[in-house]
Amino acid sequence: MPPWLASSWQLIIEGLDSKASPHAWCIVHPPGVPASELSDHLVRVLLCQDPVNEEPCGDCVSCRMRDTHPDVLRLEPEGAAGMIKVDAVRDAIEVAYTTASMGGRRVVLVRPADCLNQASSNALLKIVEEPPSGTVFVFQTALPGKLLPTLVSRLRMVKVPMPSAELFAKTVQSLGITAQQVQLASALLAEPLAPQTDPDRFALANDVFQALVRIRGGADAQMAVKSFSKADALVASTVMERVCEHLIRAHYDRVDNAVTDILKAPYPAVPLLFQFKERIAEVKKQAQAGIAVNAGLALGSLFAAWGFIWTRVQV
């Protein structure tokens, strides 16, 4: 875990050790400061079957399942509006009232929570205040002011401080990571230290991005997908989703990161990018639910769609 998250994690430990451990957390971080590692770590601790000093053991079944744990319900933005829909919230609430698959806790991860709309927020109020036994909510946002005050009042807020440039640079240097790797990992995974903390995940993310770059340059999508027949569909779809989001934002604001540095404008029209993002979401949702995904077939379809939307760009 990056050192700038240490003080926030200590606050979480104090909460977990208290007599009345919170049943709803909210990780609040400055815009642009990665904090997903903190909320993910909290989720792993909550689900671990044998935590040691409020740390996941790393050996139990729950720890080994990680990204596809059946007792993690993820509420994330979807659709052209990029909001967390009320129907998804209601579905999650219905599941939350059932027995957890692993017999322990169930965690509802809401990220980014500022993408909740009015209806979604209202639907969560009652269950967040009085959740079913064993259900814990973990919210994460860089824009807490966009949350309903009535929802905020039910959450244990944990703030992530802004790391100094010196601390960040020192951390990166001590891990032997280049600035280019940090920028790429931040853009593709929102995990700047992934080259060191999860090199396999970072390598796959980089491979997927390079394939997207080649296809944008005219390479055949079916040729590009050949090396991804056994790839992790969740990581691959996450990378595609983030690349798509960067390009959508670039239509409205100046975006300087490893993605836009390599994929130069002009970009596909926003409606086409949103349509592509919807197709990605279908693959990602299946992968998150632990449904067996034929990576070659799924990614081949996405790569083909990616190639098509670039043919519609007017230079």
Protein backbone atom coordinates (compact mmCIF):
# COMPACT_ATOMS: atom_id res chain seq x y z
CA MET A 1 0.00 0.00 0.00
CA PRO A 2 1.43 3.45 -0.90
CA PRO A 3 2.72 5.37 2.15
CA TRP A 4 0.28 8.24 1.64
CA LEU A 5 -2.55 5.81 2.44
CA ALA A 6 -1.00 4.63 5.70
CA SER A 7 -2.63 7.22 7.99
CA SER A 8 -6.04 6.57 6.43
CA TRP A 9 -5.61 2.81 6.87
CA GLN A 10 -4.77 3.37 10.52
CA LEU A 11 -8.11 5.18 10.95
CA ILE A 12 -9.86 2.21 9.37
CA ILE A 13 -8.10 -0.22 11.71
CA GLU A 14 -9.26 1.83 14.69
CA GLY A 15 -12.81 1.61 13.37
CA LEU A 16 -12.58 -2.14 12.79
CA ASP A 17 -11.24 -2.62 16.33
CA SER A 18 -13.97 -0.53 17.95
CA LYS A 19 -16.88 -2.09 19.82
CA ALA A 20 -19.31 -0.91 17.16
CA SER A 21 -17.44 -1.45 13.92
CA PRO A 22 -18.94 0.70 11.12
CA HIS A 23 -21.24 -1.01 8.67
CA ALA A 24 -20.80 1.72 6.04
CA TRP A 25 -17.49 3.35 5.10
CA CYS A 26 -16.64 6.13 2.69
CA ILE A 27 -13.10 6.62 1.39
CA VAL A 28 -12.70 10.27 0.38
CA HIS A 29 -9.61 11.13 -1.64
CA PRO A 30 -8.34 14.24 -3.45
CA PRO A 31 -9.08 14.24 -7.20
CA GLY A 32 -6.26 12.52 -9.06
CA VAL A 33 -4.90 10.77 -5.96
CA PRO A 34 -5.34 6.98 -6.32
CA ALA A 35 -7.22 5.44 -3.42
CA SER A 36 -8.75 2.28 -4.87
CA GLU A 37 -6.00 0.23 -3.25
CA LEU A 38 -7.25 1.40 0.14
CA SER A 39 -10.90 0.52 -0.47
CA ASP A 40 -9.92 -2.79 -2.12
CA HIS A 41 -7.75 -3.64 0.89
CA LEU A 42 -10.64 -2.89 3.24
CA VAL A 43 -12.90 -5.17 1.18
CA ARG A 44 -10.33 -8.00 1.39
CA VAL A 45 -10.04 -7.62 5.16
CA LEU A 46 -13.82 -7.65 5.59
CA LEU A 47 -14.12 -10.84 3.53
CA CYS A 48 -11.05 -12.66 4.88
CA GLN A 49 -11.99 -15.78 6.84
CA ASP A 50 -8.95 -15.56 9.13
CA PRO A 51 -7.61 -11.98 9.34
CA VAL A 52 -4.44 -11.38 11.34
CA ASN A 53 -4.15 -8.01 13.11
CA GLU A 54 -6.79 -6.57 10.80
CA GLU A 55 -4.89 -7.71 7.71
CA PRO A 56 -6.07 -10.33 5.18
CA CYS A 57 -4.36 -13.67 5.72
CA GLY A 58 -3.77 -14.18 1.99
CA ASP A 59 -4.31 -17.95 2.25
CA CYS A 60 -8.02 -18.54 2.82
CA VAL A 61 -10.46 -19.18 -0.01
CA SER A 62 -11.83 -15.64 0.15
CA CYS A 63 -8.37 -14.07 -0.15
CA ARG A 64 -7.49 -16.22 -3.14
CA MET A 65 -10.68 -15.29 -5.00
CA ARG A 66 -9.87 -11.56 -5.04
CA ASP A 67 -11.50 -9.94 -8.12
CA THR A 68 -14.26 -12.52 -8.58
CA HIS A 69 -15.46 -12.99 -5.01
CA PRO A 70 -19.19 -13.92 -5.06
CA ASP A 71 -19.90 -11.86 -1.92
CA VAL A 72 -18.72 -8.55 -3.42
CA LEU A 73 -21.50 -6.54 -5.04
CA ARG A 74 -20.08 -3.74 -7.18
CA LEU A 75 -22.12 -0.67 -8.00
CA GLU A 76 -20.39 1.22 -10.80
CA PRO A 77 -21.34 3.76 -13.49
CA GLU A 78 -23.03 2.43 -16.59
CA GLY A 79 -24.95 3.68 -19.56
CA ALA A 80 -24.47 6.80 -21.67
CA ALA A 81 -24.97 9.07 -18.65
CA GLY A 82 -22.20 7.33 -16.72
CA MET A 83 -24.35 7.01 -13.59
CA ILE A 84 -25.02 4.24 -11.08
CA LYS A 85 -28.56 3.26 -12.00
CA VAL A 86 -31.34 2.75 -9.49
CA ASP A 87 -32.18 -0.65 -10.99
CA ALA A 88 -28.64 -1.86 -10.25
CA VAL A 89 -28.96 -0.55 -6.68
CA ARG A 90 -32.27 -2.36 -6.19
CA ASP A 91 -30.79 -5.60 -7.55
CA ALA A 92 -27.87 -5.28 -5.13
CA ILE A 93 -30.21 -4.61 -2.22
CA GLU A 94 -32.21 -7.73 -3.04
CA VAL A 95 -29.04 -9.85 -3.06
CA ALA A 96 -27.81 -8.21 0.16
CA TYR A 97 -30.77 -9.67 2.04
CA THR A 98 -29.80 -13.22 1.07
CA THR A 99 -27.23 -15.43 2.79
CA ALA A 100 -23.64 -14.77 1.76
CA SER A 101 -22.21 -17.43 -0.58
CA MET A 102 -19.13 -18.02 1.58
CA GLY A 103 -21.01 -17.87 4.87
CA GLY A 104 -19.21 -14.73 6.06
CA ARG A 105 -19.70 -11.06 5.26
CA ARG A 106 -21.07 -9.55 2.09
CA VAL A 107 -19.59 -6.24 0.87
CA VAL A 108 -21.29 -3.70 -1.37
CA LEU A 109 -18.62 -1.59 -3.09
CA VAL A 110 -19.92 1.71 -4.50
CA ARG A 111 -17.24 3.36 -6.65
CA PRO A 112 -17.17 6.18 -7.56
CA ALA A 113 -20.01 7.05 -5.23
CA ASP A 114 -20.44 10.52 -6.77
CA CYS A 115 -22.00 8.75 -9.79
CA LEU A 116 -25.07 7.89 -7.73
CA ASN A 117 -28.08 9.83 -8.97
CA GLN A 118 -30.92 11.07 -6.78
CA ALA A 119 -33.01 7.93 -7.17
CA SER A 120 -30.06 5.60 -6.55
CA SER A 121 -29.01 7.53 -3.44
CA ASN A 122 -32.52 7.49 -2.01
CA ALA A 123 -32.81 3.76 -2.64
CA LEU A 124 -29.69 3.18 -0.54
CA LEU A 125 -30.66 5.29 2.48
CA LYS A 126 -32.64 2.71 4.44
CA ILE A 127 -30.35 -0.27 3.88
CA VAL A 128 -27.21 1.75 4.62
CA GLU A 129 -28.73 2.91 7.92
CA GLU A 130 -29.94 -0.59 8.87
CA PRO A 131 -28.09 -3.14 6.73
CA PRO A 132 -28.76 -6.88 6.89
CA SER A 133 -26.55 -8.69 9.37
CA GLY A 134 -23.07 -9.22 7.93
CA THR A 135 -23.43 -6.70 5.09
CA VAL A 136 -20.93 -3.83 4.94
CA PHE A 137 -20.94 -0.92 2.50
CA VAL A 138 -17.72 0.64 1.15
CA PHE A 139 -18.12 3.88 -0.78
CA GLN A 140 -15.30 5.73 -2.52
CA THR A 141 -15.37 9.22 -3.98
CA ALA A 142 -13.21 12.23 -4.83
CA LEU A 143 -16.31 14.46 -4.80
CA PRO A 144 -18.08 14.01 -1.44
CA GLY A 145 -20.05 17.21 -2.00
CA LYS A 146 -22.06 15.40 -4.69
CA LEU A 147 -23.40 12.84 -2.18
CA LEU A 148 -26.73 13.36 -0.45
CA PRO A 149 -26.18 14.81 3.05
CA THR A 150 -28.62 12.22 4.41
CA LEU A 151 -26.43 9.47 2.94
CA VAL A 152 -23.18 11.04 4.19
CA SER A 153 -24.60 11.16 7.71
CA ARG A 154 -24.80 7.34 7.68
CA LEU A 155 -21.18 6.79 6.59
CA ARG A 156 -17.87 6.59 8.47
CA MET A 157 -15.81 9.06 6.44
CA VAL A 158 -12.09 8.31 6.01
CA LYS A 159 -10.08 11.04 4.27
CA VAL A 160 -6.97 10.36 2.21
CA PRO A 161 -4.41 13.19 2.46
CA MET A 162 -2.75 14.73 -0.57
CA PRO A 163 0.73 13.14 -0.85
CA SER A 164 3.64 15.51 -1.29
CA ALA A 165 5.46 15.39 -4.61
CA GLU A 166 8.61 14.46 -2.71
CA LEU A 167 6.95 11.49 -0.99
CA PHE A 168 5.49 10.21 -4.23
CA ALA A 169 8.78 10.55 -6.10
CA LYS A 170 10.69 8.89 -3.26
CA THR A 171 8.25 5.98 -3.14
CA VAL A 172 8.48 5.41 -6.87
CA GLN A 173 12.26 5.60 -6.85
CA SER A 174 12.58 3.18 -3.95
CA LEU A 175 10.48 0.63 -5.84
CA GLY A 176 12.53 0.91 -8.99
CA ILE A 177 9.57 2.06 -11.10
CA THR A 178 10.02 4.52 -13.95
CA ALA A 179 7.88 7.66 -14.27
CA GLN A 180 6.53 6.30 -17.56
CA GLN A 181 5.36 3.08 -15.88
CA VAL A 182 3.68 5.07 -13.10
CA GLN A 183 1.82 7.23 -15.63
CA LEU A 184 0.72 4.21 -17.65
CA ALA A 185 -0.44 2.25 -14.59
CA SER A 186 -2.35 5.30 -13.34
CA ALA A 187 -4.09 5.80 -16.67
CA LEU A 188 -4.95 2.15 -17.32
CA LEU A 189 -5.61 0.74 -13.84
CA ALA A 190 -5.78 3.76 -11.49
CA GLU A 191 -2.99 1.94 -9.63
CA PRO A 192 0.27 3.90 -10.10
CA LEU A 193 2.35 1.34 -8.20
CA ALA A 194 0.96 -1.70 -10.04
CA PRO A 195 4.29 -2.32 -11.88
CA GLN A 196 5.70 -3.28 -8.49
CA THR A 197 2.68 -4.47 -6.50
CA ASP A 198 1.07 -6.52 -9.30
CA PRO A 199 3.47 -6.86 -12.26
CA ASP A 200 1.40 -9.52 -14.06
CA ARG A 201 -1.70 -7.33 -13.95
CA PHE A 202 0.29 -4.34 -15.19
CA ALA A 203 1.91 -6.36 -17.99
CA LEU A 204 -1.50 -7.50 -19.24
CA ALA A 205 -2.86 -3.95 -19.02
CA ASN A 206 0.05 -2.69 -21.09
CA ASP A 207 -0.38 -5.49 -23.66
CA VAL A 208 -4.08 -4.69 -24.07
CA PHE A 209 -3.35 -0.99 -24.49
CA GLN A 210 -0.64 -1.64 -27.07
CA ALA A 211 -3.08 -3.85 -29.00
CA LEU A 212 -5.61 -0.99 -28.99
CA VAL A 213 -2.92 1.35 -30.30
CA ARG A 214 -2.00 -1.05 -33.11
CA ILE A 215 -5.64 -1.53 -34.12
CA ARG A 216 -6.16 2.24 -34.09
CA GLY A 217 -3.20 2.38 -36.50
CA GLY A 218 -4.85 -0.08 -38.89
CA ALA A 219 -3.76 -3.49 -37.58
CA ASP A 220 -6.17 -6.40 -37.98
CA ALA A 221 -8.27 -6.88 -34.82
CA GLN A 222 -8.42 -10.67 -35.19
CA MET A 223 -4.65 -10.90 -35.42
CA ALA A 224 -4.26 -8.68 -32.36
CA VAL A 225 -6.51 -10.86 -30.21
CA LYS A 226 -4.57 -14.11 -30.77
CA SER A 227 -2.29 -13.53 -27.79
CA PHE A 228 -5.24 -12.90 -25.43
CA SER A 229 -7.04 -16.27 -25.66
CA LYS A 230 -6.30 -17.01 -21.99
CA ALA A 231 -6.15 -13.45 -20.70
CA ASP A 232 -7.94 -12.20 -17.60
CA ALA A 233 -11.12 -10.75 -19.12
CA LEU A 234 -11.73 -8.55 -16.07
CA VAL A 235 -8.36 -6.80 -16.30
CA ALA A 236 -8.59 -6.49 -20.09
CA SER A 237 -12.11 -5.04 -20.02
CA THR A 238 -11.14 -2.65 -17.20
CA VAL A 239 -8.28 -1.30 -19.31
CA MET A 240 -10.52 -0.86 -22.35
CA GLU A 241 -13.12 0.89 -20.22
CA ARG A 242 -10.58 3.34 -18.79
CA VAL A 243 -9.11 4.09 -22.23
CA CYS A 244 -12.62 4.81 -23.48
CA GLU A 245 -13.34 7.09 -20.51
CA HIS A 246 -10.13 9.07 -21.11
CA LEU A 247 -11.12 9.69 -24.72
CA ILE A 248 -14.66 10.75 -23.75
CA ARG A 249 -13.27 13.26 -21.25
CA ALA A 250 -10.81 14.53 -23.86
CA HIS A 251 -13.77 15.71 -25.94
CA TYR A 252 -14.68 18.18 -23.20
CA ASP A 253 -11.49 18.94 -21.26
CA ARG A 254 -7.79 18.82 -21.77
CA VAL A 255 -6.60 15.37 -20.66
CA ASP A 256 -2.88 14.76 -20.31
CA ASN A 257 -1.97 11.18 -19.48
CA ALA A 258 -0.28 8.14 -20.98
CA VAL A 259 -3.38 7.29 -23.02
CA THR A 260 -3.89 10.65 -24.72
CA ASP A 261 -0.14 11.08 -25.16
CA ILE A 262 -0.14 8.04 -27.44
CA LEU A 263 -3.68 8.05 -28.86
CA LYS A 264 -3.83 11.49 -30.41
CA ALA A 265 -6.95 13.40 -31.47
CA PRO A 266 -9.18 13.44 -33.43
CA TYR A 267 -11.16 10.81 -31.53
CA PRO A 268 -14.33 8.86 -32.32
CA ALA A 269 -17.55 10.74 -31.58
CA VAL A 270 -18.82 10.60 -27.99
CA PRO A 271 -21.95 8.52 -28.87
CA LEU A 272 -19.72 5.89 -30.51
CA LEU A 273 -17.42 5.82 -27.49
CA PHE A 274 -20.40 5.39 -25.16
CA GLN A 275 -21.72 2.54 -27.31
CA PHE A 276 -18.31 0.88 -27.15
CA LYS A 277 -18.23 1.40 -23.38
CA GLU A 278 -21.61 -0.37 -23.09
CA ARG A 279 -20.19 -3.41 -24.90
CA ILE A 280 -17.19 -3.43 -22.59
CA ALA A 281 -19.50 -3.26 -19.56
CA GLU A 282 -21.24 -6.49 -20.63
CA VAL A 283 -17.93 -8.41 -20.65
CA LYS A 284 -16.76 -6.78 -17.42
CA LYS A 285 -20.02 -7.54 -15.62
CA GLN A 286 -19.80 -11.22 -16.53
CA ALA A 287 -16.16 -11.41 -15.42
CA GLN A 288 -16.93 -9.70 -12.10
CA ALA A 289 -19.78 -12.12 -11.47
CA GLY A 290 -17.38 -15.04 -11.85
CA ILE A 291 -19.07 -16.24 -15.03
CA ALA A 292 -16.66 -18.14 -17.26
CA VAL A 293 -15.79 -15.79 -20.12
CA ASN A 294 -14.23 -16.97 -23.37
CA ALA A 295 -11.56 -14.26 -23.39
CA GLY A 296 -10.57 -14.79 -27.01
CA LEU A 297 -14.16 -14.49 -28.23
CA ALA A 298 -15.11 -11.58 -25.95
CA LEU A 299 -11.97 -9.54 -26.54
CA GLY A 300 -12.02 -10.31 -30.26
CA SER A 301 -15.49 -8.77 -30.47
CA LEU A 302 -14.36 -5.71 -28.49
CA PHE A 303 -11.20 -5.26 -30.55
CA ALA A 304 -13.28 -5.45 -33.74
CA ALA A 305 -15.69 -2.82 -32.40
CA TRP A 306 -12.73 -0.64 -31.40
CA GLY A 307 -11.33 -0.83 -34.92
CA PHE A 308 -14.73 0.04 -36.41
CA ILE A 309 -15.29 3.23 -34.37
CA TRP A 310 -11.93 4.58 -35.55
CA THR A 311 -13.00 4.15 -39.17
CA ARG A 312 -15.74 6.69 -38.46
CA VAL A 313 -13.27 9.41 -37.40
CA GLN A 314 -13.15 12.33 -39.79
CA VAL A 315 -9.57 13.57 -40.12
